[in-house]
Amino acid sequence: MTDIKRRRIDQIQDAGFLVALASLPLDELRSRRAMCDDLDVELSFYRRMLHGRMDLLAFEMRRRAGEEQQTLLEALPRILSEGAYTPHPGLPSRSVSVEVPDIPSPGRRLIDRALQSDFLSRLPGLSDDDLRDTHTFLTEVEVEISMQRKIVYAALDRLQEELTRRYREGLADPGELLARE
């Protein structure tokens, strides 16, 4: 790939990222897999942060509808510990550890706008229309992040298949990984 793009997701989506994997040096395959792994951690973190904001937003909407008696701040520990946001009703909730990745400094991306640090303080002052607009916006950003994760997973699968093939066919020595550590 001669044209290196700035964002990792752009590099992974580039048509040349998964072309001719069999001819790539082993270190390059591992480097690309590591890039995908790192981006997956970052995107997973973003999704968790978005879901937290969606949980807070859902609580505020229920509070305004008279379904909740506590203030947002009083209920904050419960909201964040329960993780009430479930994109697909009926799915069981599960506890997930959160690994905080090295995140690029905030910029102009949609995710940067969605994860503005003043979200919690602004939430009670938003109008009902602003709440609905914010919910729509967060949902759209979550869908975009989920789509990017699918792209990363597909690339990871292809890279892992090639690495596995090389190990299986004796073209690479898995023992050398231990020697590097």
N, C-alpha and C. Protein backbone atom coordinates (compact mmCIF):
# COMPACT_ATOMS: atom_id res chain seq x y z
N MET A 1 0.85 -1.17 0.00
CA MET A 1 0.00 0.00 0.00
C MET A 1 0.89 1.23 0.00
N THR A 2 0.91 1.91 -1.09
CA THR A 2 1.77 3.09 -1.19
C THR A 2 1.08 4.34 -0.65
N ASP A 3 -0.24 4.39 -0.76
CA ASP A 3 -0.98 5.56 -0.29
C ASP A 3 -1.47 5.30 1.13
N ILE A 4 -0.68 5.69 2.13
CA ILE A 4 -1.07 5.47 3.52
C ILE A 4 -2.04 6.56 3.93
N LYS A 5 -3.21 6.13 4.36
CA LYS A 5 -4.23 7.07 4.82
C LYS A 5 -4.05 7.30 6.31
N ARG A 6 -4.52 8.40 6.78
CA ARG A 6 -4.33 8.81 8.17
C ARG A 6 -5.07 7.91 9.16
N ARG A 7 -6.34 7.68 8.96
CA ARG A 7 -7.13 6.90 9.92
C ARG A 7 -6.95 5.41 9.68
N ARG A 8 -6.87 4.66 10.77
CA ARG A 8 -6.72 3.21 10.64
C ARG A 8 -7.91 2.58 9.95
N ILE A 9 -9.12 3.06 10.22
CA ILE A 9 -10.29 2.47 9.57
C ILE A 9 -10.21 2.66 8.06
N ASP A 10 -9.67 3.79 7.62
CA ASP A 10 -9.50 4.03 6.18
C ASP A 10 -8.48 3.06 5.60
N GLN A 11 -7.40 2.81 6.34
CA GLN A 11 -6.40 1.86 5.87
C GLN A 11 -7.00 0.45 5.75
N ILE A 12 -7.78 0.05 6.75
CA ILE A 12 -8.37 -1.29 6.76
C ILE A 12 -9.41 -1.43 5.66
N GLN A 13 -10.15 -0.37 5.37
CA GLN A 13 -11.16 -0.41 4.31
C GLN A 13 -10.56 -0.31 2.92
N ASP A 14 -9.31 0.14 2.83
CA ASP A 14 -8.65 0.29 1.54
C ASP A 14 -8.64 -1.05 0.81
N ALA A 15 -8.91 -1.01 -0.49
CA ALA A 15 -8.99 -2.23 -1.30
C ALA A 15 -7.70 -3.04 -1.24
N GLY A 16 -6.56 -2.40 -1.05
CA GLY A 16 -5.29 -3.10 -1.04
C GLY A 16 -4.91 -3.74 0.29
N PHE A 17 -5.67 -3.47 1.35
CA PHE A 17 -5.31 -3.95 2.68
C PHE A 17 -5.32 -5.48 2.76
N LEU A 18 -6.25 -6.11 2.08
CA LEU A 18 -6.38 -7.57 2.16
C LEU A 18 -6.02 -8.28 0.86
N VAL A 19 -5.41 -7.55 -0.07
CA VAL A 19 -5.04 -8.13 -1.36
C VAL A 19 -3.68 -8.83 -1.23
N ALA A 20 -3.57 -9.98 -1.85
CA ALA A 20 -2.30 -10.73 -1.93
C ALA A 20 -1.69 -10.99 -0.56
N LEU A 21 -2.51 -11.41 0.38
CA LEU A 21 -2.02 -11.68 1.72
C LEU A 21 -0.94 -12.76 1.73
N ALA A 22 -1.09 -13.74 0.83
CA ALA A 22 -0.13 -14.85 0.78
C ALA A 22 1.28 -14.38 0.45
N SER A 23 1.40 -13.25 -0.21
CA SER A 23 2.74 -12.77 -0.60
C SER A 23 3.33 -11.77 0.40
N LEU A 24 2.57 -11.39 1.41
CA LEU A 24 3.07 -10.43 2.39
C LEU A 24 4.04 -11.11 3.36
N PRO A 25 5.06 -10.38 3.80
CA PRO A 25 5.94 -10.92 4.84
C PRO A 25 5.13 -11.16 6.12
N LEU A 26 5.56 -12.12 6.89
CA LEU A 26 4.88 -12.49 8.13
C LEU A 26 4.76 -11.30 9.09
N ASP A 27 5.80 -10.51 9.20
CA ASP A 27 5.75 -9.34 10.09
C ASP A 27 4.69 -8.34 9.65
N GLU A 28 4.51 -8.19 8.35
CA GLU A 28 3.47 -7.26 7.85
C GLU A 28 2.08 -7.79 8.18
N LEU A 29 1.87 -9.10 8.03
CA LEU A 29 0.58 -9.69 8.40
C LEU A 29 0.29 -9.45 9.88
N ARG A 30 1.29 -9.69 10.70
CA ARG A 30 1.11 -9.50 12.15
C ARG A 30 0.87 -8.02 12.47
N SER A 31 1.55 -7.15 11.77
CA SER A 31 1.37 -5.72 11.98
C SER A 31 -0.06 -5.29 11.63
N ARG A 32 -0.56 -5.80 10.53
CA ARG A 32 -1.93 -5.46 10.13
C ARG A 32 -2.93 -6.04 11.12
N ARG A 33 -2.67 -7.26 11.59
CA ARG A 33 -3.57 -7.86 12.58
C ARG A 33 -3.55 -7.02 13.86
N ALA A 34 -2.37 -6.59 14.28
CA ALA A 34 -2.26 -5.76 15.49
C ALA A 34 -3.02 -4.44 15.33
N MET A 35 -2.94 -3.85 14.13
CA MET A 35 -3.69 -2.62 13.88
C MET A 35 -5.19 -2.87 14.02
N CYS A 36 -5.66 -3.98 13.48
CA CYS A 36 -7.08 -4.32 13.59
C CYS A 36 -7.47 -4.56 15.04
N ASP A 37 -6.62 -5.28 15.78
CA ASP A 37 -6.89 -5.53 17.20
C ASP A 37 -6.99 -4.22 17.97
N ASP A 38 -6.03 -3.32 17.74
CA ASP A 38 -6.04 -2.04 18.45
C ASP A 38 -7.28 -1.22 18.11
N LEU A 39 -7.65 -1.20 16.84
CA LEU A 39 -8.83 -0.44 16.45
C LEU A 39 -10.10 -1.06 17.02
N ASP A 40 -10.15 -2.39 17.10
CA ASP A 40 -11.30 -3.05 17.70
C ASP A 40 -11.46 -2.64 19.17
N VAL A 41 -10.37 -2.58 19.91
CA VAL A 41 -10.43 -2.15 21.31
C VAL A 41 -10.97 -0.72 21.39
N GLU A 42 -10.47 0.15 20.52
CA GLU A 42 -10.93 1.54 20.52
C GLU A 42 -12.41 1.64 20.18
N LEU A 43 -12.84 0.93 19.14
CA LEU A 43 -14.25 0.99 18.74
C LEU A 43 -15.16 0.38 19.81
N SER A 44 -14.70 -0.68 20.47
CA SER A 44 -15.47 -1.28 21.56
C SER A 44 -15.65 -0.28 22.69
N PHE A 45 -14.59 0.44 23.00
CA PHE A 45 -14.65 1.46 24.04
C PHE A 45 -15.67 2.55 23.66
N TYR A 46 -15.60 3.01 22.43
CA TYR A 46 -16.56 4.02 21.97
C TYR A 46 -18.00 3.53 22.10
N ARG A 47 -18.24 2.29 21.70
CA ARG A 47 -19.60 1.75 21.80
C ARG A 47 -20.07 1.72 23.25
N ARG A 48 -19.21 1.32 24.15
CA ARG A 48 -19.59 1.29 25.57
C ARG A 48 -19.90 2.69 26.08
N MET A 49 -19.08 3.65 25.67
CA MET A 49 -19.33 5.04 26.07
C MET A 49 -20.65 5.55 25.50
N LEU A 50 -20.93 5.22 24.24
CA LEU A 50 -22.20 5.61 23.63
C LEU A 50 -23.37 4.96 24.36
N HIS A 51 -23.24 3.68 24.68
CA HIS A 51 -24.33 2.99 25.39
C HIS A 51 -24.57 3.62 26.76
N GLY A 52 -23.50 4.04 27.43
CA GLY A 52 -23.66 4.74 28.71
C GLY A 52 -24.45 6.02 28.54
N ARG A 53 -24.15 6.77 27.51
CA ARG A 53 -24.90 8.00 27.25
C ARG A 53 -26.35 7.69 26.88
N MET A 54 -26.55 6.63 26.14
CA MET A 54 -27.92 6.24 25.79
C MET A 54 -28.70 5.81 27.03
N ASP A 55 -28.03 5.14 27.97
CA ASP A 55 -28.67 4.76 29.24
C ASP A 55 -29.10 6.01 30.01
N LEU A 56 -28.20 7.00 30.07
CA LEU A 56 -28.51 8.24 30.77
C LEU A 56 -29.66 8.98 30.10
N LEU A 57 -29.63 9.01 28.80
CA LEU A 57 -30.68 9.68 28.04
C LEU A 57 -32.03 8.98 28.25
N ALA A 58 -32.02 7.65 28.21
CA ALA A 58 -33.27 6.89 28.42
C ALA A 58 -33.82 7.16 29.83
N PHE A 59 -32.94 7.21 30.82
CA PHE A 59 -33.39 7.52 32.18
C PHE A 59 -34.03 8.89 32.23
N GLU A 60 -33.38 9.88 31.64
CA GLU A 60 -33.92 11.25 31.67
C GLU A 60 -35.28 11.31 30.99
N MET A 61 -35.45 10.57 29.91
CA MET A 61 -36.74 10.56 29.23
C MET A 61 -37.81 9.90 30.11
N ARG A 62 -37.44 8.81 30.80
CA ARG A 62 -38.39 8.16 31.72
C ARG A 62 -38.70 9.07 32.91
N ARG A 63 -37.70 9.78 33.40
CA ARG A 63 -37.90 10.70 34.53
C ARG A 63 -38.90 11.78 34.15
N ARG A 64 -38.74 12.33 32.97
CA ARG A 64 -39.65 13.38 32.51
C ARG A 64 -41.06 12.85 32.28
N ALA A 65 -41.16 11.58 31.95
CA ALA A 65 -42.48 10.97 31.74
C ALA A 65 -43.12 10.54 33.07
N GLY A 66 -42.41 10.77 34.20
CA GLY A 66 -42.95 10.44 35.51
C GLY A 66 -42.71 8.99 35.92
N GLU A 67 -41.89 8.26 35.17
CA GLU A 67 -41.63 6.85 35.47
C GLU A 67 -40.46 6.67 36.44
N GLU A 68 -39.73 7.71 36.71
CA GLU A 68 -38.58 7.66 37.62
C GLU A 68 -38.75 8.77 38.65
N GLN A 69 -38.42 8.47 39.90
CA GLN A 69 -38.57 9.45 40.98
C GLN A 69 -37.26 10.14 41.34
N GLN A 70 -36.13 9.46 41.11
CA GLN A 70 -34.85 10.04 41.46
C GLN A 70 -34.41 11.06 40.42
N THR A 71 -33.52 11.95 40.85
CA THR A 71 -32.89 12.84 39.87
C THR A 71 -31.85 12.03 39.10
N LEU A 72 -31.40 12.59 38.02
CA LEU A 72 -30.38 11.92 37.21
C LEU A 72 -29.11 11.65 38.03
N LEU A 73 -28.68 12.64 38.81
CA LEU A 73 -27.47 12.46 39.62
C LEU A 73 -27.67 11.43 40.72
N GLU A 74 -28.85 11.39 41.33
CA GLU A 74 -29.11 10.38 42.36
C GLU A 74 -29.08 8.98 41.77
N ALA A 75 -29.58 8.84 40.57
CA ALA A 75 -29.67 7.52 39.94
C ALA A 75 -28.42 7.14 39.15
N LEU A 76 -27.48 8.05 39.04
CA LEU A 76 -26.30 7.82 38.20
C LEU A 76 -25.58 6.50 38.49
N PRO A 77 -25.26 6.18 39.75
CA PRO A 77 -24.57 4.90 39.99
C PRO A 77 -25.38 3.69 39.51
N ARG A 78 -26.69 3.72 39.76
CA ARG A 78 -27.55 2.61 39.33
C ARG A 78 -27.61 2.52 37.81
N ILE A 79 -27.75 3.65 37.15
CA ILE A 79 -27.86 3.67 35.68
C ILE A 79 -26.59 3.08 35.06
N LEU A 80 -25.46 3.55 35.53
CA LEU A 80 -24.20 3.11 34.92
C LEU A 80 -23.85 1.68 35.29
N SER A 81 -24.27 1.22 36.47
CA SER A 81 -23.94 -0.16 36.85
C SER A 81 -24.88 -1.16 36.19
N GLU A 82 -26.11 -0.76 35.92
CA GLU A 82 -27.06 -1.68 35.30
C GLU A 82 -26.83 -1.81 33.80
N GLY A 83 -26.41 -0.74 33.15
CA GLY A 83 -26.25 -0.80 31.71
C GLY A 83 -27.57 -1.15 31.05
N ALA A 84 -28.58 -0.36 31.32
CA ALA A 84 -29.93 -0.67 30.87
C ALA A 84 -30.09 -0.66 29.36
N TYR A 85 -29.20 0.03 28.66
CA TYR A 85 -29.37 0.10 27.20
C TYR A 85 -29.13 -1.27 26.59
N THR A 86 -30.14 -1.77 25.93
CA THR A 86 -30.02 -3.04 25.21
C THR A 86 -30.51 -2.77 23.80
N PRO A 87 -29.63 -2.87 22.81
CA PRO A 87 -30.04 -2.56 21.45
C PRO A 87 -31.09 -3.54 20.92
N HIS A 88 -31.11 -4.74 21.48
CA HIS A 88 -32.07 -5.75 21.04
C HIS A 88 -32.81 -6.28 22.27
N PRO A 89 -34.05 -5.81 22.49
CA PRO A 89 -34.79 -6.25 23.67
C PRO A 89 -34.86 -7.77 23.73
N GLY A 90 -34.75 -8.28 24.97
CA GLY A 90 -34.83 -9.72 25.16
C GLY A 90 -33.46 -10.38 25.28
N LEU A 91 -32.41 -9.67 24.86
CA LEU A 91 -31.07 -10.24 25.00
C LEU A 91 -30.63 -10.09 26.44
N PRO A 92 -29.95 -11.10 26.98
CA PRO A 92 -29.50 -10.99 28.36
C PRO A 92 -28.42 -9.94 28.50
N SER A 93 -28.40 -9.29 29.65
CA SER A 93 -27.32 -8.34 29.89
C SER A 93 -26.13 -9.12 30.39
N ARG A 94 -24.95 -8.57 30.20
CA ARG A 94 -23.75 -9.25 30.66
C ARG A 94 -22.74 -8.21 31.13
N SER A 95 -21.90 -8.64 32.02
CA SER A 95 -20.85 -7.76 32.51
C SER A 95 -19.68 -7.82 31.55
N VAL A 96 -19.17 -6.66 31.18
CA VAL A 96 -18.08 -6.58 30.22
C VAL A 96 -16.98 -5.71 30.81
N SER A 97 -15.76 -6.22 30.78
CA SER A 97 -14.66 -5.38 31.25
C SER A 97 -14.39 -4.31 30.21
N VAL A 98 -13.96 -3.17 30.68
CA VAL A 98 -13.70 -2.06 29.77
C VAL A 98 -12.20 -1.78 29.75
N GLU A 99 -11.61 -1.96 28.60
CA GLU A 99 -10.20 -1.62 28.42
C GLU A 99 -10.16 -0.24 27.79
N VAL A 100 -9.49 0.68 28.45
CA VAL A 100 -9.41 2.05 27.94
C VAL A 100 -8.22 2.13 26.99
N PRO A 101 -8.49 2.32 25.71
CA PRO A 101 -7.42 2.36 24.73
C PRO A 101 -6.74 3.73 24.69
N ASP A 102 -5.62 3.78 24.00
CA ASP A 102 -5.01 5.07 23.70
C ASP A 102 -5.85 5.69 22.60
N ILE A 103 -6.61 6.70 22.96
CA ILE A 103 -7.55 7.31 22.03
C ILE A 103 -6.94 8.57 21.45
N PRO A 104 -7.07 8.73 20.13
CA PRO A 104 -6.57 9.96 19.53
C PRO A 104 -7.24 11.17 20.16
N SER A 105 -6.56 12.28 20.18
CA SER A 105 -7.14 13.48 20.76
C SER A 105 -8.43 13.83 20.03
N PRO A 106 -9.39 14.41 20.77
CA PRO A 106 -10.67 14.74 20.16
C PRO A 106 -10.51 15.62 18.93
N GLY A 107 -11.34 15.36 17.97
CA GLY A 107 -11.28 16.12 16.73
C GLY A 107 -12.66 16.45 16.24
N ARG A 108 -12.85 16.30 14.95
CA ARG A 108 -14.11 16.69 14.33
C ARG A 108 -14.97 15.48 13.95
N ARG A 109 -14.56 14.29 14.36
CA ARG A 109 -15.33 13.10 14.00
C ARG A 109 -16.68 13.11 14.71
N LEU A 110 -17.63 12.37 14.19
CA LEU A 110 -18.94 12.25 14.83
C LEU A 110 -18.80 11.71 16.24
N ILE A 111 -17.92 10.72 16.42
CA ILE A 111 -17.76 10.12 17.75
C ILE A 111 -17.25 11.16 18.74
N ASP A 112 -16.42 12.07 18.30
CA ASP A 112 -15.93 13.13 19.19
C ASP A 112 -17.08 14.03 19.65
N ARG A 113 -17.97 14.35 18.73
CA ARG A 113 -19.15 15.16 19.11
C ARG A 113 -20.07 14.38 20.03
N ALA A 114 -20.23 13.08 19.77
CA ALA A 114 -21.13 12.26 20.57
C ALA A 114 -20.60 12.06 21.99
N LEU A 115 -19.29 12.08 22.15
CA LEU A 115 -18.70 11.82 23.46
C LEU A 115 -18.18 13.09 24.13
N GLN A 116 -18.79 14.22 23.81
CA GLN A 116 -18.39 15.48 24.45
C GLN A 116 -18.45 15.31 25.97
N SER A 117 -17.49 15.89 26.64
CA SER A 117 -17.37 15.69 28.08
C SER A 117 -18.46 16.38 28.90
N ASP A 118 -19.18 17.32 28.33
CA ASP A 118 -20.20 18.03 29.10
C ASP A 118 -21.59 17.41 28.95
N PHE A 119 -21.67 16.20 28.42
CA PHE A 119 -22.96 15.55 28.15
C PHE A 119 -23.83 15.49 29.41
N LEU A 120 -23.27 14.98 30.51
CA LEU A 120 -24.05 14.78 31.72
C LEU A 120 -24.57 16.09 32.29
N SER A 121 -23.76 17.12 32.25
CA SER A 121 -24.21 18.40 32.81
C SER A 121 -25.26 19.07 31.93
N ARG A 122 -25.23 18.82 30.63
CA ARG A 122 -26.20 19.43 29.72
C ARG A 122 -27.53 18.68 29.70
N LEU A 123 -27.51 17.40 30.01
CA LEU A 123 -28.68 16.54 29.83
C LEU A 123 -29.96 17.06 30.50
N PRO A 124 -29.94 17.41 31.79
CA PRO A 124 -31.19 17.88 32.41
C PRO A 124 -31.75 19.16 31.79
N GLY A 125 -30.91 19.98 31.18
CA GLY A 125 -31.36 21.24 30.60
C GLY A 125 -31.85 21.14 29.17
N LEU A 126 -31.73 19.97 28.56
CA LEU A 126 -32.18 19.82 27.17
C LEU A 126 -33.70 19.79 27.09
N SER A 127 -34.23 20.37 26.04
CA SER A 127 -35.67 20.29 25.81
C SER A 127 -36.02 18.86 25.40
N ASP A 128 -37.29 18.54 25.42
CA ASP A 128 -37.73 17.20 25.00
C ASP A 128 -37.34 16.94 23.55
N ASP A 129 -37.47 17.95 22.71
CA ASP A 129 -37.06 17.79 21.30
C ASP A 129 -35.56 17.54 21.20
N ASP A 130 -34.78 18.28 22.00
CA ASP A 130 -33.33 18.08 22.00
C ASP A 130 -32.96 16.67 22.50
N LEU A 131 -33.71 16.17 23.48
CA LEU A 131 -33.48 14.80 23.95
C LEU A 131 -33.70 13.80 22.83
N ARG A 132 -34.79 13.96 22.11
CA ARG A 132 -35.08 13.04 20.99
C ARG A 132 -34.02 13.17 19.90
N ASP A 133 -33.63 14.40 19.59
CA ASP A 133 -32.58 14.61 18.57
C ASP A 133 -31.26 13.99 19.01
N THR A 134 -30.94 14.15 20.28
CA THR A 134 -29.70 13.57 20.81
C THR A 134 -29.76 12.05 20.75
N HIS A 135 -30.91 11.49 21.10
CA HIS A 135 -31.07 10.03 21.01
C HIS A 135 -30.87 9.55 19.58
N THR A 136 -31.46 10.25 18.64
CA THR A 136 -31.31 9.90 17.23
C THR A 136 -29.85 9.98 16.81
N PHE A 137 -29.19 11.06 17.20
CA PHE A 137 -27.79 11.26 16.86
C PHE A 137 -26.91 10.15 17.46
N LEU A 138 -27.10 9.86 18.75
CA LEU A 138 -26.30 8.81 19.39
C LEU A 138 -26.53 7.46 18.74
N THR A 139 -27.77 7.19 18.36
CA THR A 139 -28.10 5.92 17.70
C THR A 139 -27.39 5.84 16.35
N GLU A 140 -27.38 6.93 15.60
CA GLU A 140 -26.71 6.94 14.30
C GLU A 140 -25.20 6.73 14.45
N VAL A 141 -24.61 7.36 15.44
CA VAL A 141 -23.17 7.20 15.67
C VAL A 141 -22.88 5.75 16.10
N GLU A 142 -23.73 5.19 16.95
CA GLU A 142 -23.54 3.81 17.40
C GLU A 142 -23.62 2.85 16.22
N VAL A 143 -24.53 3.09 15.30
CA VAL A 143 -24.65 2.25 14.10
C VAL A 143 -23.38 2.37 13.26
N GLU A 144 -22.86 3.59 13.10
CA GLU A 144 -21.63 3.78 12.33
C GLU A 144 -20.46 3.04 12.97
N ILE A 145 -20.32 3.16 14.29
CA ILE A 145 -19.23 2.48 15.00
C ILE A 145 -19.39 0.97 14.87
N SER A 146 -20.61 0.47 14.96
CA SER A 146 -20.86 -0.97 14.80
C SER A 146 -20.49 -1.44 13.40
N MET A 147 -20.79 -0.64 12.40
CA MET A 147 -20.43 -1.00 11.03
C MET A 147 -18.91 -1.04 10.87
N GLN A 148 -18.23 -0.08 11.48
CA GLN A 148 -16.77 -0.08 11.41
C GLN A 148 -16.20 -1.32 12.10
N ARG A 149 -16.80 -1.72 13.21
CA ARG A 149 -16.33 -2.94 13.89
C ARG A 149 -16.52 -4.17 13.01
N LYS A 150 -17.61 -4.23 12.27
CA LYS A 150 -17.81 -5.37 11.36
C LYS A 150 -16.73 -5.41 10.30
N ILE A 151 -16.34 -4.25 9.79
CA ILE A 151 -15.27 -4.18 8.80
C ILE A 151 -13.96 -4.67 9.41
N VAL A 152 -13.69 -4.24 10.63
CA VAL A 152 -12.47 -4.65 11.32
C VAL A 152 -12.49 -6.16 11.57
N TYR A 153 -13.63 -6.69 12.00
CA TYR A 153 -13.75 -8.14 12.24
C TYR A 153 -13.51 -8.93 10.96
N ALA A 154 -14.06 -8.46 9.86
CA ALA A 154 -13.88 -9.16 8.59
C ALA A 154 -12.40 -9.17 8.20
N ALA A 155 -11.73 -8.05 8.39
CA ALA A 155 -10.29 -7.97 8.08
C ALA A 155 -9.50 -8.88 9.02
N LEU A 156 -9.85 -8.85 10.30
CA LEU A 156 -9.17 -9.72 11.27
C LEU A 156 -9.32 -11.19 10.88
N ASP A 157 -10.52 -11.56 10.48
CA ASP A 157 -10.76 -12.95 10.07
C ASP A 157 -9.86 -13.34 8.90
N ARG A 158 -9.79 -12.48 7.90
CA ARG A 158 -8.96 -12.78 6.72
C ARG A 158 -7.48 -12.87 7.09
N LEU A 159 -7.01 -11.94 7.89
CA LEU A 159 -5.61 -11.95 8.31
C LEU A 159 -5.30 -13.20 9.15
N GLN A 160 -6.21 -13.52 10.06
CA GLN A 160 -6.00 -14.70 10.91
C GLN A 160 -6.03 -15.98 10.08
N GLU A 161 -6.89 -16.04 9.08
CA GLU A 161 -6.92 -17.22 8.19
C GLU A 161 -5.57 -17.40 7.50
N GLU A 162 -4.99 -16.32 7.02
CA GLU A 162 -3.69 -16.42 6.34
C GLU A 162 -2.59 -16.83 7.32
N LEU A 163 -2.60 -16.25 8.51
CA LEU A 163 -1.60 -16.64 9.50
C LEU A 163 -1.76 -18.11 9.89
N THR A 164 -2.97 -18.55 10.09
CA THR A 164 -3.24 -19.95 10.44
C THR A 164 -2.78 -20.88 9.32
N ARG A 165 -3.06 -20.50 8.09
CA ARG A 165 -2.62 -21.31 6.94
C ARG A 165 -1.10 -21.47 6.96
N ARG A 166 -0.41 -20.39 7.20
CA ARG A 166 1.06 -20.44 7.21
C ARG A 166 1.57 -21.34 8.34
N TYR A 167 0.97 -21.26 9.51
CA TYR A 167 1.38 -22.11 10.61
C TYR A 167 1.08 -23.59 10.29
N ARG A 168 -0.11 -23.83 9.78
CA ARG A 168 -0.53 -25.20 9.46
C ARG A 168 0.37 -25.82 8.39
N GLU A 169 0.76 -25.04 7.40
CA GLU A 169 1.57 -25.55 6.30
C GLU A 169 3.07 -25.48 6.59
N GLY A 170 3.43 -25.05 7.79
CA GLY A 170 4.84 -24.99 8.16
C GLY A 170 5.60 -23.83 7.56
N LEU A 171 4.89 -22.83 7.07
CA LEU A 171 5.53 -21.66 6.47
C LEU A 171 5.91 -20.61 7.51
N ALA A 172 5.42 -20.80 8.72
CA ALA A 172 5.74 -19.90 9.82
C ALA A 172 5.85 -20.74 11.08
N ASP A 173 6.70 -20.33 11.99
CA ASP A 173 6.93 -21.06 13.23
C ASP A 173 6.27 -20.32 14.39
N PRO A 174 5.21 -20.92 14.96
CA PRO A 174 4.55 -20.24 16.09
C PRO A 174 5.48 -20.09 17.29
N GLY A 175 6.51 -20.92 17.38
CA GLY A 175 7.46 -20.82 18.49
C GLY A 175 8.23 -19.52 18.49
N GLU A 176 8.40 -18.93 17.32
CA GLU A 176 9.14 -17.67 17.27
C GLU A 176 8.41 -16.53 17.97
N LEU A 177 7.09 -16.66 18.10
CA LEU A 177 6.34 -15.65 18.85
C LEU A 177 6.75 -15.66 20.32
N LEU A 178 6.96 -16.85 20.88
CA LEU A 178 7.38 -16.95 22.27
C LEU A 178 8.80 -16.42 22.45
N ALA A 179 9.63 -16.62 21.46
CA ALA A 179 11.01 -16.15 21.53
C ALA A 179 11.08 -14.63 21.56
N ARG A 180 10.10 -13.95 21.00
CA ARG A 180 10.09 -12.48 20.96
C ARG A 180 9.75 -11.88 22.31
N GLU A 181 9.01 -12.62 23.10
CA GLU A 181 8.54 -12.08 24.39
C GLU A 181 9.59 -12.06 25.39
